[in-house]
Structure formats: C-alpha cells, structure tokens
Amino acid sequence: SVMEDVGRHNAVDKVVGDLLFKNQLKQA
C-alpha cells in the first residue's frame, strides 16, 4: 500500500487503514 497526504501522520494512518481493509496488515 502507498498513500499520500499533506500530513505525515495522516499518510501513515491511511496506509494502516488500507491494509486493514485488505486484511494485509500482518503481512507488512
């Protein structure tokens, strides 16, 4: 997953959320 945002913390949160939706967080 790769995400962009004006805030660094937001970009990280978006990636984590994306991985959760795709059930891939444990693979990261």
PDB file of all heavy atoms in Angstrom:
ATOM      1  N   SER A   1       0.846  -1.197   0.000  1.00  0.00           N
ATOM      2  CA  SER A   1       0.000   0.000   0.000  1.00  0.00           C
ATOM      3  C   SER A   1       0.874   1.236   0.000  1.00  0.00           C
ATOM      4  O   SER A   1       1.937   1.257   0.620  1.00  0.00           O
ATOM      5  CB  SER A   1      -0.911   0.016   1.238  1.00  0.00           C
ATOM      6  OG  SER A   1      -1.689   1.193   1.289  1.00  0.00           O
ATOM      7  N   VAL A   2       0.433   2.268  -0.703  1.00  0.00           N
ATOM      8  CA  VAL A   2       1.101   3.568  -0.665  1.00  0.00           C
ATOM      9  C   VAL A   2       0.018   4.632  -0.664  1.00  0.00           C
ATOM     10  O   VAL A   2      -0.969   4.536  -1.398  1.00  0.00           O
ATOM     11  CB  VAL A   2       2.075   3.743  -1.848  1.00  0.00           C
ATOM     12  CG1 VAL A   2       1.364   3.600  -3.178  1.00  0.00           C
ATOM     13  CG2 VAL A   2       2.792   5.083  -1.758  1.00  0.00           C
ATOM     14  N   MET A   3       0.170   5.621   0.202  1.00  0.00           N
ATOM     15  CA  MET A   3      -0.815   6.686   0.355  1.00  0.00           C
ATOM     16  C   MET A   3      -0.099   8.028   0.470  1.00  0.00           C
ATOM     17  O   MET A   3       1.035   8.101   0.957  1.00  0.00           O
ATOM     18  CB  MET A   3      -1.675   6.455   1.600  1.00  0.00           C
ATOM     19  CG  MET A   3      -2.569   5.237   1.525  1.00  0.00           C
ATOM     20  SD  MET A   3      -3.986   5.527   0.464  1.00  0.00           S
ATOM     21  CE  MET A   3      -4.764   3.909   0.531  1.00  0.00           C
ATOM     22  N   GLU A   4      -0.786   9.086   0.059  1.00  0.00           N
ATOM     23  CA  GLU A   4      -0.257  10.443   0.179  1.00  0.00           C
ATOM     24  C   GLU A   4      -1.225  11.296   0.986  1.00  0.00           C
ATOM     25  O   GLU A   4      -2.433  11.067   1.004  1.00  0.00           O
ATOM     26  CB  GLU A   4      -0.062  11.068  -1.202  1.00  0.00           C
ATOM     27  CG  GLU A   4       1.057  10.473  -2.018  1.00  0.00           C
ATOM     28  CD  GLU A   4       1.243  11.192  -3.335  1.00  0.00           C
ATOM     29  OE1 GLU A   4       0.429  10.965  -4.249  1.00  0.00           O
ATOM     30  OE2 GLU A   4       2.183  11.996  -3.443  1.00  0.00           O
ATOM     31  N   ASP A   5      -0.663  12.289   1.646  1.00  0.00           N
ATOM     32  CA  ASP A   5      -1.482  13.231   2.412  1.00  0.00           C
ATOM     33  C   ASP A   5      -0.606  14.427   2.759  1.00  0.00           C
ATOM     34  O   ASP A   5       0.618  14.325   2.794  1.00  0.00           O
ATOM     35  CB  ASP A   5      -2.018  12.583   3.694  1.00  0.00           C
ATOM     36  CG  ASP A   5      -3.137  13.389   4.343  1.00  0.00           C
ATOM     37  OD1 ASP A   5      -2.850  14.337   5.096  1.00  0.00           O
ATOM     38  OD2 ASP A   5      -4.306  13.073   4.061  1.00  0.00           O
ATOM     39  N   VAL A   6      -1.240  15.550   3.026  1.00  0.00           N
ATOM     40  CA  VAL A   6      -0.489  16.736   3.421  1.00  0.00           C
ATOM     41  C   VAL A   6       0.195  16.525   4.769  1.00  0.00           C
ATOM     42  O   VAL A   6       1.208  17.151   5.073  1.00  0.00           O
ATOM     43  CB  VAL A   6      -1.409  17.971   3.461  1.00  0.00           C
ATOM     44  CG1 VAL A   6      -2.405  17.870   4.619  1.00  0.00           C
ATOM     45  CG2 VAL A   6      -0.598  19.267   3.553  1.00  0.00           C
ATOM     46  N   GLY A   7      -0.342  15.636   5.600  1.00  0.00           N
ATOM     47  CA  GLY A   7       0.254  15.339   6.903  1.00  0.00           C
ATOM     48  C   GLY A   7       0.937  13.986   6.915  1.00  0.00           C
ATOM     49  O   GLY A   7       0.408  13.002   6.388  1.00  0.00           O
ATOM     50  N   ARG A   8       2.105  13.913   7.484  1.00  0.00           N
ATOM     51  CA  ARG A   8       2.830  12.640   7.567  1.00  0.00           C
ATOM     52  C   ARG A   8       2.043  11.598   8.343  1.00  0.00           C
ATOM     53  O   ARG A   8       1.975  10.428   7.959  1.00  0.00           O
ATOM     54  CB  ARG A   8       4.194  12.863   8.225  1.00  0.00           C
ATOM     55  CG  ARG A   8       5.168  13.660   7.373  1.00  0.00           C
ATOM     56  CD  ARG A   8       6.420  14.058   8.130  1.00  0.00           C
ATOM     57  NE  ARG A   8       6.137  14.943   9.260  1.00  0.00           N
ATOM     58  CZ  ARG A   8       6.239  14.587  10.527  1.00  0.00           C
ATOM     59  NH1 ARG A   8       6.634  13.370  10.846  1.00  0.00           N
ATOM     60  NH2 ARG A   8       5.975  15.444  11.487  1.00  0.00           N
ATOM     61  N   HIS A   9       1.460  12.021   9.476  1.00  0.00           N
ATOM     62  CA  HIS A   9       0.706  11.086  10.303  1.00  0.00           C
ATOM     63  C   HIS A   9      -0.530  10.583   9.570  1.00  0.00           C
ATOM     64  O   HIS A   9      -0.891   9.414   9.670  1.00  0.00           O
ATOM     65  CB  HIS A   9       0.295  11.754  11.616  1.00  0.00           C
ATOM     66  CG  HIS A   9       1.420  12.435  12.320  1.00  0.00           C
ATOM     67  ND1 HIS A   9       1.687  13.781  12.161  1.00  0.00           N
ATOM     68  CD2 HIS A   9       2.358  11.966  13.165  1.00  0.00           C
ATOM     69  CE1 HIS A   9       2.739  14.102  12.886  1.00  0.00           C
ATOM     70  NE2 HIS A   9       3.174  13.017  13.500  1.00  0.00           N
ATOM     71  N   ASN A  10      -1.164  11.457   8.799  1.00  0.00           N
ATOM     72  CA  ASN A  10      -2.344  11.045   8.043  1.00  0.00           C
ATOM     73  C   ASN A  10      -1.995  10.003   6.998  1.00  0.00           C
ATOM     74  O   ASN A  10      -2.755   9.054   6.768  1.00  0.00           O
ATOM     75  CB  ASN A  10      -2.986  12.261   7.361  1.00  0.00           C
ATOM     76  CG  ASN A  10      -3.529  13.271   8.345  1.00  0.00           C
ATOM     77  OD1 ASN A  10      -3.690  12.986   9.521  1.00  0.00           O
ATOM     78  ND2 ASN A  10      -3.806  14.466   7.863  1.00  0.00           N
ATOM     79  N   ALA A  11      -0.859  10.194   6.326  1.00  0.00           N
ATOM     80  CA  ALA A  11      -0.444   9.229   5.309  1.00  0.00           C
ATOM     81  C   ALA A  11      -0.231   7.848   5.929  1.00  0.00           C
ATOM     82  O   ALA A  11      -0.633   6.826   5.357  1.00  0.00           O
ATOM     83  CB  ALA A  11       0.832   9.710   4.619  1.00  0.00           C
ATOM     84  N   VAL A  12       0.386   7.808   7.115  1.00  0.00           N
ATOM     85  CA  VAL A  12       0.601   6.533   7.797  1.00  0.00           C
ATOM     86  C   VAL A  12      -0.734   5.910   8.180  1.00  0.00           C
ATOM     87  O   VAL A  12      -0.971   4.707   7.975  1.00  0.00           O
ATOM     88  CB  VAL A  12       1.490   6.722   9.043  1.00  0.00           C
ATOM     89  CG1 VAL A  12       1.525   5.440   9.878  1.00  0.00           C
ATOM     90  CG2 VAL A  12       2.903   7.124   8.633  1.00  0.00           C
ATOM     91  N   ASP A  13      -1.634   6.699   8.732  1.00  0.00           N
ATOM     92  CA  ASP A  13      -2.947   6.179   9.117  1.00  0.00           C
ATOM     93  C   ASP A  13      -3.705   5.631   7.913  1.00  0.00           C
ATOM     94  O   ASP A  13      -4.394   4.608   7.999  1.00  0.00           O
ATOM     95  CB  ASP A  13      -3.775   7.281   9.786  1.00  0.00           C
ATOM     96  CG  ASP A  13      -3.329   7.549  11.212  1.00  0.00           C
ATOM     97  OD1 ASP A  13      -2.731   6.654  11.831  1.00  0.00           O
ATOM     98  OD2 ASP A  13      -3.589   8.658  11.711  1.00  0.00           O
ATOM     99  N   LYS A  14      -3.590   6.302   6.770  1.00  0.00           N
ATOM    100  CA  LYS A  14      -4.266   5.827   5.561  1.00  0.00           C
ATOM    101  C   LYS A  14      -3.724   4.478   5.119  1.00  0.00           C
ATOM    102  O   LYS A  14      -4.484   3.589   4.705  1.00  0.00           O
ATOM    103  CB  LYS A  14      -4.111   6.850   4.431  1.00  0.00           C
ATOM    104  CG  LYS A  14      -4.959   8.104   4.599  1.00  0.00           C
ATOM    105  CD  LYS A  14      -4.745   9.044   3.415  1.00  0.00           C
ATOM    106  CE  LYS A  14      -5.626  10.282   3.520  1.00  0.00           C
ATOM    107  NZ  LYS A  14      -5.419  11.204   2.374  1.00  0.00           N
ATOM    108  N   VAL A  15      -2.397   4.303   5.195  1.00  0.00           N
ATOM    109  CA  VAL A  15      -1.798   3.027   4.822  1.00  0.00           C
ATOM    110  C   VAL A  15      -2.288   1.925   5.751  1.00  0.00           C
ATOM    111  O   VAL A  15      -2.683   0.833   5.303  1.00  0.00           O
ATOM    112  CB  VAL A  15      -0.260   3.118   4.843  1.00  0.00           C
ATOM    113  CG1 VAL A  15       0.367   1.718   4.817  1.00  0.00           C
ATOM    114  CG2 VAL A  15       0.241   3.928   3.657  1.00  0.00           C
ATOM    115  N   VAL A  16      -2.272   2.188   7.049  1.00  0.00           N
ATOM    116  CA  VAL A  16      -2.719   1.171   8.012  1.00  0.00           C
ATOM    117  C   VAL A  16      -4.184   0.819   7.767  1.00  0.00           C
ATOM    118  O   VAL A  16      -4.569  -0.356   7.771  1.00  0.00           O
ATOM    119  CB  VAL A  16      -2.510   1.666   9.455  1.00  0.00           C
ATOM    120  CG1 VAL A  16      -3.126   0.688  10.454  1.00  0.00           C
ATOM    121  CG2 VAL A  16      -1.020   1.837   9.746  1.00  0.00           C
ATOM    122  N   GLY A  17      -5.024   1.824   7.529  1.00  0.00           N
ATOM    123  CA  GLY A  17      -6.428   1.559   7.252  1.00  0.00           C
ATOM    124  C   GLY A  17      -6.618   0.741   5.988  1.00  0.00           C
ATOM    125  O   GLY A  17      -7.441  -0.187   5.944  1.00  0.00           O
ATOM    126  N   ASP A  18      -5.853   1.068   4.954  1.00  0.00           N
ATOM    127  CA  ASP A  18      -5.930   0.334   3.695  1.00  0.00           C
ATOM    128  C   ASP A  18      -5.552  -1.127   3.900  1.00  0.00           C
ATOM    129  O   ASP A  18      -6.211  -2.046   3.384  1.00  0.00           O
ATOM    130  CB  ASP A  18      -5.009   0.988   2.662  1.00  0.00           C
ATOM    131  CG  ASP A  18      -5.117   0.359   1.286  1.00  0.00           C
ATOM    132  OD1 ASP A  18      -6.244   0.039   0.863  1.00  0.00           O
ATOM    133  OD2 ASP A  18      -4.080   0.202   0.619  1.00  0.00           O
ATOM    134  N   LEU A  19      -4.495  -1.363   4.677  1.00  0.00           N
ATOM    135  CA  LEU A  19      -4.074  -2.736   4.938  1.00  0.00           C
ATOM    136  C   LEU A  19      -5.123  -3.489   5.750  1.00  0.00           C
ATOM    137  O   LEU A  19      -5.344  -4.691   5.527  1.00  0.00           O
ATOM    138  CB  LEU A  19      -2.733  -2.734   5.683  1.00  0.00           C
ATOM    139  CG  LEU A  19      -1.531  -2.181   4.915  1.00  0.00           C
ATOM    140  CD1 LEU A  19      -0.299  -2.158   5.803  1.00  0.00           C
ATOM    141  CD2 LEU A  19      -1.263  -3.005   3.662  1.00  0.00           C
ATOM    142  N   LEU A  20      -5.761  -2.813   6.681  1.00  0.00           N
ATOM    143  CA  LEU A  20      -6.821  -3.457   7.460  1.00  0.00           C
ATOM    144  C   LEU A  20      -7.987  -3.849   6.564  1.00  0.00           C
ATOM    145  O   LEU A  20      -8.528  -4.953   6.672  1.00  0.00           O
ATOM    146  CB  LEU A  20      -7.289  -2.520   8.574  1.00  0.00           C
ATOM    147  CG  LEU A  20      -6.329  -2.343   9.741  1.00  0.00           C
ATOM    148  CD1 LEU A  20      -6.802  -1.208  10.647  1.00  0.00           C
ATOM    149  CD2 LEU A  20      -6.210  -3.639  10.539  1.00  0.00           C
ATOM    150  N   PHE A  21      -8.393  -2.960   5.670  1.00  0.00           N
ATOM    151  CA  PHE A  21      -9.497  -3.259   4.759  1.00  0.00           C
ATOM    152  C   PHE A  21      -9.169  -4.454   3.859  1.00  0.00           C
ATOM    153  O   PHE A  21     -10.045  -5.240   3.500  1.00  0.00           O
ATOM    154  CB  PHE A  21      -9.840  -2.035   3.905  1.00  0.00           C
ATOM    155  CG  PHE A  21     -10.715  -1.031   4.600  1.00  0.00           C
ATOM    156  CD1 PHE A  21     -10.331   0.292   4.696  1.00  0.00           C
ATOM    157  CD2 PHE A  21     -11.929  -1.414   5.150  1.00  0.00           C
ATOM    158  CE1 PHE A  21     -11.137   1.218   5.342  1.00  0.00           C
ATOM    159  CE2 PHE A  21     -12.742  -0.499   5.799  1.00  0.00           C
ATOM    160  CZ  PHE A  21     -12.351   0.822   5.892  1.00  0.00           C
ATOM    161  N   LYS A  22      -7.892  -4.580   3.504  1.00  0.00           N
ATOM    162  CA  LYS A  22      -7.464  -5.651   2.609  1.00  0.00           C
ATOM    163  C   LYS A  22      -6.959  -6.887   3.367  1.00  0.00           C
ATOM    164  O   LYS A  22      -6.465  -7.837   2.743  1.00  0.00           O
ATOM    165  CB  LYS A  22      -6.368  -5.138   1.670  1.00  0.00           C
ATOM    166  CG  LYS A  22      -6.845  -4.041   0.725  1.00  0.00           C
ATOM    167  CD  LYS A  22      -5.836  -3.697  -0.352  1.00  0.00           C
ATOM    168  CE  LYS A  22      -4.583  -3.078   0.189  1.00  0.00           C
ATOM    169  NZ  LYS A  22      -3.698  -2.553  -0.889  1.00  0.00           N
ATOM    170  N   ASN A  23      -7.057  -6.843   4.722  1.00  0.00           N
ATOM    171  CA  ASN A  23      -6.589  -7.955   5.554  1.00  0.00           C
ATOM    172  C   ASN A  23      -5.122  -8.291   5.283  1.00  0.00           C
ATOM    173  O   ASN A  23      -4.736  -9.464   5.231  1.00  0.00           O
ATOM    174  CB  ASN A  23      -7.462  -9.203   5.333  1.00  0.00           C
ATOM    175  CG  ASN A  23      -8.878  -9.013   5.809  1.00  0.00           C
ATOM    176  OD1 ASN A  23      -9.116  -8.464   6.876  1.00  0.00           O
ATOM    177  ND2 ASN A  23      -9.836  -9.462   5.016  1.00  0.00           N
ATOM    178  N   GLN A  24      -4.305  -7.256   5.133  1.00  0.00           N
ATOM    179  CA  GLN A  24      -2.881  -7.451   4.843  1.00  0.00           C
ATOM    180  C   GLN A  24      -1.962  -6.852   5.899  1.00  0.00           C
ATOM    181  O   GLN A  24      -0.742  -6.859   5.714  1.00  0.00           O
ATOM    182  CB  GLN A  24      -2.532  -6.839   3.474  1.00  0.00           C
ATOM    183  CG  GLN A  24      -3.148  -7.544   2.287  1.00  0.00           C
ATOM    184  CD  GLN A  24      -2.724  -6.915   0.969  1.00  0.00           C
ATOM    185  OE1 GLN A  24      -2.535  -5.705   0.872  1.00  0.00           O
ATOM    186  NE2 GLN A  24      -2.564  -7.741  -0.045  1.00  0.00           N
ATOM    187  N   LEU A  25      -2.512  -6.364   6.997  1.00  0.00           N
ATOM    188  CA  LEU A  25      -1.675  -5.670   7.974  1.00  0.00           C
ATOM    189  C   LEU A  25      -0.592  -6.583   8.537  1.00  0.00           C
ATOM    190  O   LEU A  25       0.546  -6.163   8.734  1.00  0.00           O
ATOM    191  CB  LEU A  25      -2.528  -5.104   9.109  1.00  0.00           C
ATOM    192  CG  LEU A  25      -1.779  -4.251  10.139  1.00  0.00           C
ATOM    193  CD1 LEU A  25      -1.082  -3.075   9.457  1.00  0.00           C
ATOM    194  CD2 LEU A  25      -2.726  -3.750  11.218  1.00  0.00           C
ATOM    195  N   LYS A  26      -0.918  -7.843   8.781  1.00  0.00           N
ATOM    196  CA  LYS A  26       0.072  -8.768   9.343  1.00  0.00           C
ATOM    197  C   LYS A  26       1.187  -9.070   8.358  1.00  0.00           C
ATOM    198  O   LYS A  26       2.253  -9.533   8.758  1.00  0.00           O
ATOM    199  CB  LYS A  26      -0.617 -10.054   9.794  1.00  0.00           C
ATOM    200  CG  LYS A  26      -1.510  -9.865  11.011  1.00  0.00           C
ATOM    201  CD  LYS A  26      -2.083 -11.196  11.484  1.00  0.00           C
ATOM    202  CE  LYS A  26      -2.936 -11.010  12.719  1.00  0.00           C
ATOM    203  NZ  LYS A  26      -3.505 -12.294  13.194  1.00  0.00           N
ATOM    204  N   GLN A  27       0.942  -8.827   7.070  1.00  0.00           N
ATOM    205  CA  GLN A  27       1.989  -9.075   6.071  1.00  0.00           C
ATOM    206  C   GLN A  27       2.998  -7.929   6.008  1.00  0.00           C
ATOM    207  O   GLN A  27       4.089  -8.102   5.470  1.00  0.00           O
ATOM    208  CB  GLN A  27       1.358  -9.252   4.685  1.00  0.00           C
ATOM    209  CG  GLN A  27       0.402 -10.434   4.578  1.00  0.00           C
ATOM    210  CD  GLN A  27      -0.238 -10.514   3.211  1.00  0.00           C
ATOM    211  OE1 GLN A  27       0.362 -10.128   2.207  1.00  0.00           O
ATOM    212  NE2 GLN A  27      -1.471 -10.997   3.150  1.00  0.00           N
ATOM    213  N   ALA A  28       2.655  -6.780   6.542  1.00  0.00           N
ATOM    214  CA  ALA A  28       3.512  -5.600   6.438  1.00  0.00           C
ATOM    215  C   ALA A  28       4.727  -5.745   7.352  1.00  0.00           C
ATOM    216  O   ALA A  28       4.593  -5.918   8.560  1.00  0.00           O
ATOM    217  CB  ALA A  28       2.727  -4.350   6.802  1.00  0.00           C
TER     218      ALA A  28
END
